[in-house]
Amino acid sequence: MPFIDVRDIAEVAAHVLKNPAAHAGQAYTLTGAKALSNQEAIALISQAIKKPIELIHIPETAAAESMSDMGMPEYVVGLMSSLNQIIAAGYVAEVTDTVAQILGKPARSFESFVQEHQACWL
């Protein structure tokens, strides 16, 4: 997934709100600078906090059962399961340069986000 920093989303929104006429009728796909697998994202966090982190694969049936056990409505469980399958298949890996086009600077990287928020991962 091309994780995007919420600050980039906010800056794009503020830019659009400053001149809405220039963006009328537009739909923007905002992404981070690079698509990362969960394993790559976890490796960056692990490196930043200098502690090992293990990614544990949870079978889809077990995940759905757990969500149901927590009281999630069946339609939400179905939506979450579909989202997990879409992510696993790589359908959300597209990276756009929309942030850079609108703001005139590249999207923040996940690595810099992790470094800036190291304390949050501890």
PDB file of N, CA and C in Angstrom:
ATOM      1  N   MET A   1       0.842  -1.187   0.000  1.00  0.00           N
ATOM      2  CA  MET A   1       0.000   0.000   0.000  1.00  0.00           C
ATOM      3  C   MET A   1       0.876   1.235   0.000  1.00  0.00           C
ATOM      4  N   PRO A   2       0.459   2.264  -0.716  1.00  0.00           N
ATOM      5  CA  PRO A   2       1.196   3.528  -0.682  1.00  0.00           C
ATOM      6  C   PRO A   2       0.670   4.403   0.460  1.00  0.00           C
ATOM      7  N   PHE A   3       1.091   4.062   1.691  1.00  0.00           N
ATOM      8  CA  PHE A   3       0.628   4.779   2.878  1.00  0.00           C
ATOM      9  C   PHE A   3       0.829   6.279   2.684  1.00  0.00           C
ATOM     10  N   ILE A   4      -0.189   7.070   3.034  1.00  0.00           N
ATOM     11  CA  ILE A   4      -0.104   8.523   2.881  1.00  0.00           C
ATOM     12  C   ILE A   4      -0.163   9.182   4.248  1.00  0.00           C
ATOM     13  N   ASP A   5       0.649  10.183   4.417  1.00  0.00           N
ATOM     14  CA  ASP A   5       0.695  10.951   5.662  1.00  0.00           C
ATOM     15  C   ASP A   5      -0.539  11.852   5.707  1.00  0.00           C
ATOM     16  N   VAL A   6      -1.219  11.842   6.822  1.00  0.00           N
ATOM     17  CA  VAL A   6      -2.433  12.648   6.970  1.00  0.00           C
ATOM     18  C   VAL A   6      -2.134  14.135   6.757  1.00  0.00           C
ATOM     19  N   ARG A   7      -0.897  14.548   7.024  1.00  0.00           N
ATOM     20  CA  ARG A   7      -0.541  15.952   6.794  1.00  0.00           C
ATOM     21  C   ARG A   7      -0.576  16.287   5.307  1.00  0.00           C
ATOM     22  N   ASP A   8      -0.226  15.332   4.451  1.00  0.00           N
ATOM     23  CA  ASP A   8      -0.328  15.561   3.008  1.00  0.00           C
ATOM     24  C   ASP A   8      -1.788  15.692   2.591  1.00  0.00           C
ATOM     25  N   ILE A   9      -2.636  14.856   3.151  1.00  0.00           N
ATOM     26  CA  ILE A   9      -4.069  14.948   2.851  1.00  0.00           C
ATOM     27  C   ILE A   9      -4.600  16.313   3.268  1.00  0.00           C
ATOM     28  N   ALA A  10      -4.235  16.740   4.460  1.00  0.00           N
ATOM     29  CA  ALA A  10      -4.706  18.037   4.974  1.00  0.00           C
ATOM     30  C   ALA A  10      -4.196  19.194   4.114  1.00  0.00           C
ATOM     31  N   GLU A  11      -2.938  19.128   3.702  1.00  0.00           N
ATOM     32  CA  GLU A  11      -2.391  20.206   2.869  1.00  0.00           C
ATOM     33  C   GLU A  11      -3.081  20.276   1.517  1.00  0.00           C
ATOM     34  N   VAL A  12      -3.346  19.122   0.932  1.00  0.00           N
ATOM     35  CA  VAL A  12      -4.057  19.101  -0.354  1.00  0.00           C
ATOM     36  C   VAL A  12      -5.467  19.673  -0.166  1.00  0.00           C
ATOM     37  N   ALA A  13      -6.149  19.254   0.893  1.00  0.00           N
ATOM     38  CA  ALA A  13      -7.500  19.764   1.154  1.00  0.00           C
ATOM     39  C   ALA A  13      -7.480  21.279   1.338  1.00  0.00           C
ATOM     40  N   ALA A  14      -6.524  21.780   2.092  1.00  0.00           N
ATOM     41  CA  ALA A  14      -6.421  23.228   2.314  1.00  0.00           C
ATOM     42  C   ALA A  14      -6.142  23.948   1.006  1.00  0.00           C
ATOM     43  N   HIS A  15      -5.286  23.389   0.192  1.00  0.00           N
ATOM     44  CA  HIS A  15      -4.965  23.993  -1.112  1.00  0.00           C
ATOM     45  C   HIS A  15      -6.219  24.071  -1.990  1.00  0.00           C
ATOM     46  N   VAL A  16      -6.966  22.986  -2.017  1.00  0.00           N
ATOM     47  CA  VAL A  16      -8.197  22.946  -2.817  1.00  0.00           C
ATOM     48  C   VAL A  16      -9.214  23.948  -2.277  1.00  0.00           C
ATOM     49  N   LEU A  17      -9.341  24.032  -0.955  1.00  0.00           N
ATOM     50  CA  LEU A  17     -10.311  24.951  -0.354  1.00  0.00           C
ATOM     51  C   LEU A  17      -9.953  26.414  -0.561  1.00  0.00           C
ATOM     52  N   LYS A  18      -8.683  26.709  -0.767  1.00  0.00           N
ATOM     53  CA  LYS A  18      -8.260  28.087  -1.024  1.00  0.00           C
ATOM     54  C   LYS A  18      -8.716  28.571  -2.393  1.00  0.00           C
ATOM     55  N   ASN A  19      -8.856  27.643  -3.336  1.00  0.00           N
ATOM     56  CA  ASN A  19      -9.256  28.008  -4.685  1.00  0.00           C
ATOM     57  C   ASN A  19     -10.147  26.905  -5.260  1.00  0.00           C
ATOM     58  N   PRO A  20     -11.352  26.765  -4.721  1.00  0.00           N
ATOM     59  CA  PRO A  20     -12.204  25.649  -5.143  1.00  0.00           C
ATOM     60  C   PRO A  20     -12.570  25.676  -6.623  1.00  0.00           C
ATOM     61  N   ALA A  21     -12.665  26.839  -7.209  1.00  0.00           N
ATOM     62  CA  ALA A  21     -13.035  26.915  -8.625  1.00  0.00           C
ATOM     63  C   ALA A  21     -12.000  26.209  -9.508  1.00  0.00           C
ATOM     64  N   ALA A  22     -10.743  26.286  -9.130  1.00  0.00           N
ATOM     65  CA  ALA A  22      -9.683  25.656  -9.918  1.00  0.00           C
ATOM     66  C   ALA A  22      -9.749  24.129  -9.849  1.00  0.00           C
ATOM     67  N   HIS A  23     -10.470  23.606  -8.881  1.00  0.00           N
ATOM     68  CA  HIS A  23     -10.536  22.159  -8.700  1.00  0.00           C
ATOM     69  C   HIS A  23     -11.951  21.605  -8.914  1.00  0.00           C
ATOM     70  N   ALA A  24     -12.856  22.459  -9.359  1.00  0.00           N
ATOM     71  CA  ALA A  24     -14.249  22.050  -9.562  1.00  0.00           C
ATOM     72  C   ALA A  24     -14.314  20.879 -10.535  1.00  0.00           C
ATOM     73  N   GLY A  25     -15.078  19.875 -10.161  1.00  0.00           N
ATOM     74  CA  GLY A  25     -15.281  18.716 -11.017  1.00  0.00           C
ATOM     75  C   GLY A  25     -14.126  17.730 -11.026  1.00  0.00           C
ATOM     76  N   GLN A  26     -13.099  17.981 -10.248  1.00  0.00           N
ATOM     77  CA  GLN A  26     -11.935  17.096 -10.202  1.00  0.00           C
ATOM     78  C   GLN A  26     -12.108  16.039  -9.114  1.00  0.00           C
ATOM     79  N   ALA A  27     -11.552  14.888  -9.347  1.00  0.00           N
ATOM     80  CA  ALA A  27     -11.468  13.829  -8.338  1.00  0.00           C
ATOM     81  C   ALA A  27     -10.002  13.438  -8.259  1.00  0.00           C
ATOM     82  N   TYR A  28      -9.456  13.459  -7.072  1.00  0.00           N
ATOM     83  CA  TYR A  28      -8.041  13.192  -6.894  1.00  0.00           C
ATOM     84  C   TYR A  28      -7.814  11.895  -6.132  1.00  0.00           C
ATOM     85  N   THR A  29      -6.864  11.117  -6.584  1.00  0.00           N
ATOM     86  CA  THR A  29      -6.421   9.934  -5.866  1.00  0.00           C
ATOM     87  C   THR A  29      -5.103  10.294  -5.201  1.00  0.00           C
ATOM     88  N   LEU A  30      -5.139  10.385  -3.886  1.00  0.00           N
ATOM     89  CA  LEU A  30      -3.954  10.773  -3.129  1.00  0.00           C
ATOM     90  C   LEU A  30      -3.284   9.526  -2.573  1.00  0.00           C
ATOM     91  N   THR A  31      -1.985   9.419  -2.767  1.00  0.00           N
ATOM     92  CA  THR A  31      -1.233   8.301  -2.220  1.00  0.00           C
ATOM     93  C   THR A  31       0.079   8.813  -1.644  1.00  0.00           C
ATOM     94  N   GLY A  32       0.716   7.942  -0.900  1.00  0.00           N
ATOM     95  CA  GLY A  32       2.048   8.237  -0.424  1.00  0.00           C
ATOM     96  C   GLY A  32       3.044   8.110  -1.557  1.00  0.00           C
ATOM     97  N   ALA A  33       4.318   8.288  -1.222  1.00  0.00           N
ATOM     98  CA  ALA A  33       5.376   8.341  -2.222  1.00  0.00           C
ATOM     99  C   ALA A  33       5.736   6.972  -2.805  1.00  0.00           C
ATOM    100  N   LYS A  34       5.480   5.906  -2.046  1.00  0.00           N
ATOM    101  CA  LYS A  34       5.916   4.577  -2.470  1.00  0.00           C
ATOM    102  C   LYS A  34       4.982   3.524  -1.892  1.00  0.00           C
ATOM    103  N   ALA A  35       4.697   2.519  -2.682  1.00  0.00           N
ATOM    104  CA  ALA A  35       3.889   1.399  -2.188  1.00  0.00           C
ATOM    105  C   ALA A  35       4.789   0.446  -1.410  1.00  0.00           C
ATOM    106  N   LEU A  36       4.313   0.025  -0.257  1.00  0.00           N
ATOM    107  CA  LEU A  36       5.059  -0.890   0.601  1.00  0.00           C
ATOM    108  C   LEU A  36       4.183  -2.078   0.970  1.00  0.00           C
ATOM    109  N   SER A  37       4.803  -3.215   1.107  1.00  0.00           N
ATOM    110  CA  SER A  37       4.084  -4.361   1.658  1.00  0.00           C
ATOM    111  C   SER A  37       4.000  -4.163   3.165  1.00  0.00           C
ATOM    112  N   ASN A  38       3.137  -4.932   3.807  1.00  0.00           N
ATOM    113  CA  ASN A  38       3.079  -4.863   5.272  1.00  0.00           C
ATOM    114  C   ASN A  38       4.428  -5.214   5.873  1.00  0.00           C
ATOM    115  N   GLN A  39       5.099  -6.205   5.290  1.00  0.00           N
ATOM    116  CA  GLN A  39       6.409  -6.621   5.794  1.00  0.00           C
ATOM    117  C   GLN A  39       7.423  -5.479   5.677  1.00  0.00           C
ATOM    118  N   GLU A  40       7.403  -4.753   4.575  1.00  0.00           N
ATOM    119  CA  GLU A  40       8.327  -3.620   4.400  1.00  0.00           C
ATOM    120  C   GLU A  40       8.018  -2.504   5.394  1.00  0.00           C
ATOM    121  N   ALA A  41       6.739  -2.225   5.605  1.00  0.00           N
ATOM    122  CA  ALA A  41       6.351  -1.181   6.560  1.00  0.00           C
ATOM    123  C   ALA A  41       6.774  -1.568   7.974  1.00  0.00           C
ATOM    124  N   ILE A  42       6.557  -2.811   8.339  1.00  0.00           N
ATOM    125  CA  ILE A  42       6.934  -3.281   9.663  1.00  0.00           C
ATOM    126  C   ILE A  42       8.451  -3.250   9.831  1.00  0.00           C
ATOM    127  N   ALA A  43       9.188  -3.580   8.791  1.00  0.00           N
ATOM    128  CA  ALA A  43      10.650  -3.538   8.862  1.00  0.00           C
ATOM    129  C   ALA A  43      11.135  -2.112   9.132  1.00  0.00           C
ATOM    130  N   LEU A  44      10.504  -1.113   8.518  1.00  0.00           N
ATOM    131  CA  LEU A  44      10.880   0.281   8.770  1.00  0.00           C
ATOM    132  C   LEU A  44      10.602   0.677  10.219  1.00  0.00           C
ATOM    133  N   ILE A  45       9.465   0.245  10.740  1.00  0.00           N
ATOM    134  CA  ILE A  45       9.129   0.548  12.137  1.00  0.00           C
ATOM    135  C   ILE A  45      10.098  -0.171  13.063  1.00  0.00           C
ATOM    136  N   SER A  46      10.357  -1.431  12.793  1.00  0.00           N
ATOM    137  CA  SER A  46      11.277  -2.218  13.611  1.00  0.00           C
ATOM    138  C   SER A  46      12.665  -1.579  13.637  1.00  0.00           C
ATOM    139  N   GLN A  47      13.127  -1.158  12.498  1.00  0.00           N
ATOM    140  CA  GLN A  47      14.439  -0.502  12.407  1.00  0.00           C
ATOM    141  C   GLN A  47      14.456   0.794  13.210  1.00  0.00           C
ATOM    142  N   ALA A  48      13.389   1.567  13.129  1.00  0.00           N
ATOM    143  CA  ALA A  48      13.328   2.859  13.821  1.00  0.00           C
ATOM    144  C   ALA A  48      13.331   2.699  15.329  1.00  0.00           C
ATOM    145  N   ILE A  49      12.629   1.685  15.818  1.00  0.00           N
ATOM    146  CA  ILE A  49      12.536   1.515  17.281  1.00  0.00           C
ATOM    147  C   ILE A  49      13.567   0.536  17.827  1.00  0.00           C
ATOM    148  N   LYS A  50      14.337  -0.041  16.896  1.00  0.00           N
ATOM    149  CA  LYS A  50      15.405  -0.974  17.280  1.00  0.00           C
ATOM    150  C   LYS A  50      14.876  -2.160  18.104  1.00  0.00           C
ATOM    151  N   LYS A  51      13.729  -2.647  17.688  1.00  0.00           N
ATOM    152  CA  LYS A  51      13.122  -3.825  18.313  1.00  0.00           C
ATOM    153  C   LYS A  51      12.523  -4.685  17.204  1.00  0.00           C
ATOM    154  N   PRO A  52      12.601  -5.987  17.369  1.00  0.00           N
ATOM    155  CA  PRO A  52      12.008  -6.851  16.340  1.00  0.00           C
ATOM    156  C   PRO A  52      10.478  -6.810  16.391  1.00  0.00           C
ATOM    157  N   ILE A  53       9.897  -6.832  15.230  1.00  0.00           N
ATOM    158  CA  ILE A  53       8.440  -6.905  15.103  1.00  0.00           C
ATOM    159  C   ILE A  53       8.152  -8.048  14.147  1.00  0.00           C
ATOM    160  N   GLU A  54       7.228  -8.879  14.502  1.00  0.00           N
ATOM    161  CA  GLU A  54       6.892 -10.024  13.667  1.00  0.00           C
ATOM    162  C   GLU A  54       5.506  -9.831  13.055  1.00  0.00           C
ATOM    163  N   LEU A  55       5.431 -10.018  11.767  1.00  0.00           N
ATOM    164  CA  LEU A  55       4.148  -9.994  11.071  1.00  0.00           C
ATOM    165  C   LEU A  55       3.567 -11.397  11.136  1.00  0.00           C
ATOM    166  N   ILE A  56       2.386 -11.520  11.682  1.00  0.00           N
ATOM    167  CA  ILE A  56       1.744 -12.824  11.818  1.00  0.00           C
ATOM    168  C   ILE A  56       0.565 -12.883  10.857  1.00  0.00           C
ATOM    169  N   HIS A  57       0.624 -13.836   9.963  1.00  0.00           N
ATOM    170  CA  HIS A  57      -0.474 -14.024   9.011  1.00  0.00           C
ATOM    171  C   HIS A  57      -1.661 -14.661   9.733  1.00  0.00           C
ATOM    172  N   ILE A  58      -2.804 -14.060   9.584  1.00  0.00           N
ATOM    173  CA  ILE A  58      -4.028 -14.605  10.158  1.00  0.00           C
ATOM    174  C   ILE A  58      -4.912 -15.058   9.005  1.00  0.00           C
ATOM    175  N   PRO A  59      -5.268 -16.321   8.973  1.00  0.00           N
ATOM    176  CA  PRO A  59      -6.133 -16.805   7.891  1.00  0.00           C
ATOM    177  C   PRO A  59      -7.435 -15.991   7.834  1.00  0.00           C
ATOM    178  N   GLU A  60      -7.921 -15.791   6.648  1.00  0.00           N
ATOM    179  CA  GLU A  60      -9.119 -14.964   6.441  1.00  0.00           C
ATOM    180  C   GLU A  60     -10.310 -15.474   7.252  1.00  0.00           C
ATOM    181  N   THR A  61     -10.470 -16.786   7.318  1.00  0.00           N
ATOM    182  CA  THR A  61     -11.604 -17.337   8.083  1.00  0.00           C
ATOM    183  C   THR A  61     -11.471 -17.001   9.572  1.00  0.00           C
ATOM    184  N   ALA A  62     -10.256 -17.076  10.097  1.00  0.00           N
ATOM    185  CA  ALA A  62     -10.033 -16.749  11.510  1.00  0.00           C
ATOM    186  C   ALA A  62     -10.261 -15.262  11.760  1.00  0.00           C
ATOM    187  N   ALA A  63      -9.831 -14.427  10.833  1.00  0.00           N
ATOM    188  CA  ALA A  63     -10.040 -12.981  10.975  1.00  0.00           C
ATOM    189  C   ALA A  63     -11.537 -12.662  10.962  1.00  0.00           C
ATOM    190  N   ALA A  64     -12.263 -13.254  10.037  1.00  0.00           N
ATOM    191  CA  ALA A  64     -13.707 -13.016   9.942  1.00  0.00           C
ATOM    192  C   ALA A  64     -14.415 -13.513  11.199  1.00  0.00           C
ATOM    193  N   GLU A  65     -14.016 -14.677  11.691  1.00  0.00           N
ATOM    194  CA  GLU A  65     -14.624 -15.222  12.906  1.00  0.00           C
ATOM    195  C   GLU A  65     -14.358 -14.302  14.101  1.00  0.00           C
ATOM    196  N   SER A  66     -13.150 -13.798  14.199  1.00  0.00           N
ATOM    197  CA  SER A  66     -12.791 -12.893  15.299  1.00  0.00           C
ATOM    198  C   SER A  66     -13.603 -11.601  15.232  1.00  0.00           C
ATOM    199  N   MET A  67     -13.752 -11.049  14.021  1.00  0.00           N
ATOM    200  CA  MET A  67     -14.548  -9.830  13.870  1.00  0.00           C
ATOM    201  C   MET A  67     -15.997 -10.082  14.279  1.00  0.00           C
ATOM    202  N   SER A  68     -16.533 -11.220  13.871  1.00  0.00           N
ATOM    203  CA  SER A  68     -17.903 -11.577  14.255  1.00  0.00           C
ATOM    204  C   SER A  68     -18.024 -11.726  15.765  1.00  0.00           C
ATOM    205  N   ASP A  69     -17.031 -12.397  16.370  1.00  0.00           N
ATOM    206  CA  ASP A  69     -17.036 -12.592  17.825  1.00  0.00           C
ATOM    207  C   ASP A  69     -16.990 -11.268  18.579  1.00  0.00           C
ATOM    208  N   MET A  70     -16.388 -10.244  17.970  1.00  0.00           N
ATOM    209  CA  MET A  70     -16.317  -8.920  18.607  1.00  0.00           C
ATOM    210  C   MET A  70     -17.611  -8.125  18.421  1.00  0.00           C
ATOM    211  N   GLY A  71     -18.567  -8.719  17.702  1.00  0.00           N
ATOM    212  CA  GLY A  71     -19.849  -8.056  17.534  1.00  0.00           C
ATOM    213  C   GLY A  71     -19.983  -7.215  16.279  1.00  0.00           C
ATOM    214  N   MET A  72     -19.033  -7.315  15.364  1.00  0.00           N
ATOM    215  CA  MET A  72     -19.161  -6.569  14.110  1.00  0.00           C
ATOM    216  C   MET A  72     -20.330  -7.135  13.309  1.00  0.00           C
ATOM    217  N   PRO A  73     -21.125  -6.250  12.727  1.00  0.00           N
ATOM    218  CA  PRO A  73     -22.203  -6.738  11.860  1.00  0.00           C
ATOM    219  C   PRO A  73     -21.631  -7.528  10.680  1.00  0.00           C
ATOM    220  N   GLU A  74     -22.377  -8.524  10.219  1.00  0.00           N
ATOM    221  CA  GLU A  74     -21.894  -9.389   9.135  1.00  0.00           C
ATOM    222  C   GLU A  74     -21.503  -8.609   7.889  1.00  0.00           C
ATOM    223  N   TYR A  75     -22.244  -7.542   7.553  1.00  0.00           N
ATOM    224  CA  TYR A  75     -21.898  -6.800   6.346  1.00  0.00           C
ATOM    225  C   TYR A  75     -20.555  -6.095   6.515  1.00  0.00           C
ATOM    226  N   VAL A  76     -20.216  -5.662   7.732  1.00  0.00           N
ATOM    227  CA  VAL A  76     -18.919  -5.031   7.983  1.00  0.00           C
ATOM    228  C   VAL A  76     -17.808  -6.083   7.910  1.00  0.00           C
ATOM    229  N   VAL A  77     -18.066  -7.258   8.464  1.00  0.00           N
ATOM    230  CA  VAL A  77     -17.104  -8.357   8.372  1.00  0.00           C
ATOM    231  C   VAL A  77     -16.836  -8.665   6.900  1.00  0.00           C
ATOM    232  N   GLY A  78     -17.887  -8.721   6.103  1.00  0.00           N
ATOM    233  CA  GLY A  78     -17.734  -8.969   4.668  1.00  0.00           C
ATOM    234  C   GLY A  78     -16.930  -7.875   3.981  1.00  0.00           C
ATOM    235  N   LEU A  79     -17.211  -6.622   4.339  1.00  0.00           N
ATOM    236  CA  LEU A  79     -16.461  -5.505   3.748  1.00  0.00           C
ATOM    237  C   LEU A  79     -14.986  -5.568   4.132  1.00  0.00           C
ATOM    238  N   MET A  80     -14.712  -5.834   5.405  1.00  0.00           N
ATOM    239  CA  MET A  80     -13.324  -5.919   5.865  1.00  0.00           C
ATOM    240  C   MET A  80     -12.605  -7.094   5.205  1.00  0.00           C
ATOM    241  N   SER A  81     -13.284  -8.199   5.068  1.00  0.00           N
ATOM    242  CA  SER A  81     -12.684  -9.363   4.407  1.00  0.00           C
ATOM    243  C   SER A  81     -12.377  -9.043   2.944  1.00  0.00           C
ATOM    244  N   SER A  82     -13.301  -8.380   2.282  1.00  0.00           N
ATOM    245  CA  SER A  82     -13.067  -7.982   0.889  1.00  0.00           C
ATOM    246  C   SER A  82     -11.888  -7.021   0.784  1.00  0.00           C
ATOM    247  N   LEU A  83     -11.830  -6.069   1.697  1.00  0.00           N
ATOM    248  CA  LEU A  83     -10.712  -5.114   1.704  1.00  0.00           C
ATOM    249  C   LEU A  83      -9.389  -5.840   1.904  1.00  0.00           C
ATOM    250  N   ASN A  84      -9.349  -6.768   2.848  1.00  0.00           N
ATOM    251  CA  ASN A  84      -8.124  -7.537   3.087  1.00  0.00           C
ATOM    252  C   ASN A  84      -7.697  -8.302   1.836  1.00  0.00           C
ATOM    253  N   GLN A  85      -8.652  -8.887   1.130  1.00  0.00           N
ATOM    254  CA  GLN A  85      -8.341  -9.642  -0.085  1.00  0.00           C
ATOM    255  C   GLN A  85      -7.848  -8.716  -1.196  1.00  0.00           C
ATOM    256  N   ILE A  86      -8.448  -7.545  -1.315  1.00  0.00           N
ATOM    257  CA  ILE A  86      -8.034  -6.571  -2.329  1.00  0.00           C
ATOM    258  C   ILE A  86      -6.601  -6.103  -2.065  1.00  0.00           C
ATOM    259  N   ILE A  87      -6.298  -5.826  -0.798  1.00  0.00           N
ATOM    260  CA  ILE A  87      -4.951  -5.402  -0.433  1.00  0.00           C
ATOM    261  C   ILE A  87      -3.954  -6.521  -0.718  1.00  0.00           C
ATOM    262  N   ALA A  88      -4.286  -7.740  -0.287  1.00  0.00           N
ATOM    263  CA  ALA A  88      -3.387  -8.888  -0.481  1.00  0.00           C
ATOM    264  C   ALA A  88      -3.112  -9.149  -1.960  1.00  0.00           C
ATOM    265  N   ALA A  89      -4.088  -8.886  -2.802  1.00  0.00           N
ATOM    266  CA  ALA A  89      -3.922  -9.106  -4.241  1.00  0.00           C
ATOM    267  C   ALA A  89      -3.127  -7.991  -4.917  1.00  0.00           C
ATOM    268  N   GLY A  90      -2.842  -6.935  -4.174  1.00  0.00           N
ATOM    269  CA  GLY A  90      -2.035  -5.845  -4.730  1.00  0.00           C
ATOM    270  C   GLY A  90      -2.817  -4.802  -5.506  1.00  0.00           C
ATOM    271  N   TYR A  91      -4.137  -4.815  -5.387  1.00  0.00           N
ATOM    272  CA  TYR A  91      -4.943  -3.871  -6.153  1.00  0.00           C
ATOM    273  C   TYR A  91      -4.898  -2.438  -5.628  1.00  0.00           C
ATOM    274  N   VAL A  92      -4.304  -2.227  -4.460  1.00  0.00           N
ATOM    275  CA  VAL A  92      -4.226  -0.865  -3.913  1.00  0.00           C
ATOM    276  C   VAL A  92      -2.777  -0.368  -3.893  1.00  0.00           C
ATOM    277  N   ALA A  93      -1.942  -0.923  -4.765  1.00  0.00           N
ATOM    278  CA  ALA A  93      -0.523  -0.578  -4.766  1.00  0.00           C
ATOM    279  C   ALA A  93      -0.188   0.614  -5.665  1.00  0.00           C
ATOM    280  N   GLU A  94      -1.178   1.144  -6.378  1.00  0.00           N
ATOM    281  CA  GLU A  94      -0.905   2.255  -7.298  1.00  0.00           C
ATOM    282  C   GLU A  94      -0.390   3.475  -6.528  1.00  0.00           C
ATOM    283  N   VAL A  95       0.661   4.083  -7.075  1.00  0.00           N
ATOM    284  CA  VAL A  95       1.205   5.320  -6.533  1.00  0.00           C
ATOM    285  C   VAL A  95       0.909   6.423  -7.536  1.00  0.00           C
ATOM    286  N   THR A  96       0.360   7.526  -7.042  1.00  0.00           N
ATOM    287  CA  THR A  96       0.107   8.680  -7.911  1.00  0.00           C
ATOM    288  C   THR A  96       1.044   9.815  -7.523  1.00  0.00           C
ATOM    289  N   ASP A  97       1.188  10.773  -8.425  1.00  0.00           N
ATOM    290  CA  ASP A  97       1.979  11.965  -8.111  1.00  0.00           C
ATOM    291  C   ASP A  97       1.067  13.170  -7.867  1.00  0.00           C
ATOM    292  N   THR A  98      -0.174  12.897  -7.500  1.00  0.00           N
ATOM    293  CA  THR A  98      -1.164  13.962  -7.305  1.00  0.00           C
ATOM    294  C   THR A  98      -0.754  14.928  -6.208  1.00  0.00           C
ATOM    295  N   VAL A  99      -0.216  14.428  -5.109  1.00  0.00           N
ATOM    296  CA  VAL A  99       0.225  15.315  -4.026  1.00  0.00           C
ATOM    297  C   VAL A  99       1.268  16.290  -4.570  1.00  0.00           C
ATOM    298  N   ALA A 100       2.237  15.779  -5.289  1.00  0.00           N
ATOM    299  CA  ALA A 100       3.291  16.633  -5.860  1.00  0.00           C
ATOM    300  C   ALA A 100       2.729  17.619  -6.877  1.00  0.00           C
ATOM    301  N   GLN A 101       1.794  17.177  -7.701  1.00  0.00           N
ATOM    302  CA  GLN A 101       1.198  18.071  -8.698  1.00  0.00           C
ATOM    303  C   GLN A 101       0.462  19.227  -8.036  1.00  0.00           C
ATOM    304  N   ILE A 102      -0.274  18.935  -6.980  1.00  0.00           N
ATOM    305  CA  ILE A 102      -1.079  19.975  -6.328  1.00  0.00           C
ATOM    306  C   ILE A 102      -0.242  20.859  -5.418  1.00  0.00           C
ATOM    307  N   LEU A 103       0.666  20.257  -4.658  1.00  0.00           N
ATOM    308  CA  LEU A 103       1.424  21.015  -3.658  1.00  0.00           C
ATOM    309  C   LEU A 103       2.778  21.517  -4.160  1.00  0.00           C
ATOM    310  N   GLY A 104       3.243  20.958  -5.261  1.00  0.00           N
ATOM    311  CA  GLY A 104       4.552  21.367  -5.763  1.00  0.00           C
ATOM    312  C   GLY A 104       5.699  20.773  -4.967  1.00  0.00           C
ATOM    313  N   LYS A 105       5.429  19.724  -4.217  1.00  0.00           N
ATOM    314  CA  LYS A 105       6.467  19.004  -3.462  1.00  0.00           C
ATOM    315  C   LYS A 105       6.004  17.564  -3.337  1.00  0.00           C
ATOM    316  N   PRO A 106       6.947  16.638  -3.227  1.00  0.00           N
ATOM    317  CA  PRO A 106       6.544  15.229  -3.175  1.00  0.00           C
ATOM    318  C   PRO A 106       5.817  14.877  -1.883  1.00  0.00           C
ATOM    319  N   ALA A 107       5.052  13.817  -1.962  1.00  0.00           N
ATOM    320  CA  ALA A 107       4.388  13.282  -0.768  1.00  0.00           C
ATOM    321  C   ALA A 107       5.448  12.827   0.222  1.00  0.00           C
ATOM    322  N   ARG A 108       5.133  12.942   1.488  1.00  0.00           N
ATOM    323  CA  ARG A 108       6.055  12.466   2.527  1.00  0.00           C
ATOM    324  C   ARG A 108       6.185  10.946   2.427  1.00  0.00           C
ATOM    325  N   SER A 109       7.345  10.450   2.735  1.00  0.00           N
ATOM    326  CA  SER A 109       7.558   9.003   2.693  1.00  0.00           C
ATOM    327  C   SER A 109       7.102   8.373   4.001  1.00  0.00           C
ATOM    328  N   PHE A 110       6.754   7.099   3.931  1.00  0.00           N
ATOM    329  CA  PHE A 110       6.386   6.376   5.145  1.00  0.00           C
ATOM    330  C   PHE A 110       7.581   6.297   6.086  1.00  0.00           C
ATOM    331  N   GLU A 111       8.762   6.142   5.506  1.00  0.00           N
ATOM    332  CA  GLU A 111       9.974   6.065   6.326  1.00  0.00           C
ATOM    333  C   GLU A 111      10.168   7.338   7.146  1.00  0.00           C
ATOM    334  N   SER A 112       9.974   8.502   6.536  1.00  0.00           N
ATOM    335  CA  SER A 112      10.123   9.745   7.303  1.00  0.00           C
ATOM    336  C   SER A 112       9.017   9.876   8.347  1.00  0.00           C
ATOM    337  N   PHE A 113       7.816   9.405   8.015  1.00  0.00           N
ATOM    338  CA  PHE A 113       6.723   9.417   8.987  1.00  0.00           C
ATOM    339  C   PHE A 113       7.092   8.570  10.209  1.00  0.00           C
ATOM    340  N   VAL A 114       7.617   7.391   9.959  1.00  0.00           N
ATOM    341  CA  VAL A 114       8.012   6.496  11.049  1.00  0.00           C
ATOM    342  C   VAL A 114       9.087   7.159  11.908  1.00  0.00           C
ATOM    343  N   GLN A 115      10.081   7.746  11.265  1.00  0.00           N
ATOM    344  CA  GLN A 115      11.163   8.395  12.011  1.00  0.00           C
ATOM    345  C   GLN A 115      10.634   9.552  12.855  1.00  0.00           C
ATOM    346  N   GLU A 116       9.753  10.344  12.290  1.00  0.00           N
ATOM    347  CA  GLU A 116       9.209  11.503  13.006  1.00  0.00           C
ATOM    348  C   GLU A 116       8.309  11.099  14.170  1.00  0.00           C
ATOM    349  N   HIS A 117       7.743   9.926  14.103  1.00  0.00           N
ATOM    350  CA  HIS A 117       6.792   9.479  15.125  1.00  0.00           C
ATOM    351  C   HIS A 117       7.276   8.232  15.861  1.00  0.00           C
ATOM    352  N   GLN A 118       8.588   8.113  15.993  1.00  0.00           N
ATOM    353  CA  GLN A 118       9.187   6.958  16.634  1.00  0.00           C
ATOM    354  C   GLN A 118       8.542   6.616  17.978  1.00  0.00           C
ATOM    355  N   ALA A 119       8.312   7.623  18.788  1.00  0.00           N
ATOM    356  CA  ALA A 119       7.776   7.387  20.140  1.00  0.00           C
ATOM    357  C   ALA A 119       6.406   6.718  20.097  1.00  0.00           C
ATOM    358  N   CYS A 120       5.655   6.912  19.051  1.00  0.00           N
ATOM    359  CA  CYS A 120       4.317   6.319  18.945  1.00  0.00           C
ATOM    360  C   CYS A 120       4.368   4.810  18.763  1.00  0.00           C
ATOM    361  N   TRP A 121       5.485   4.307  18.275  1.00  0.00           N
ATOM    362  CA  TRP A 121       5.592   2.887  17.979  1.00  0.00           C
ATOM    363  C   TRP A 121       6.075   2.081  19.179  1.00  0.00           C
ATOM    364  N   LEU A 122       6.477   2.781  20.238  1.00  0.00           N
ATOM    365  CA  LEU A 122       7.019   2.072  21.416  1.00  0.00           C
ATOM    366  C   LEU A 122       5.925   1.633  22.356  1.00  0.00           C
TER     367      LEU A 122
END
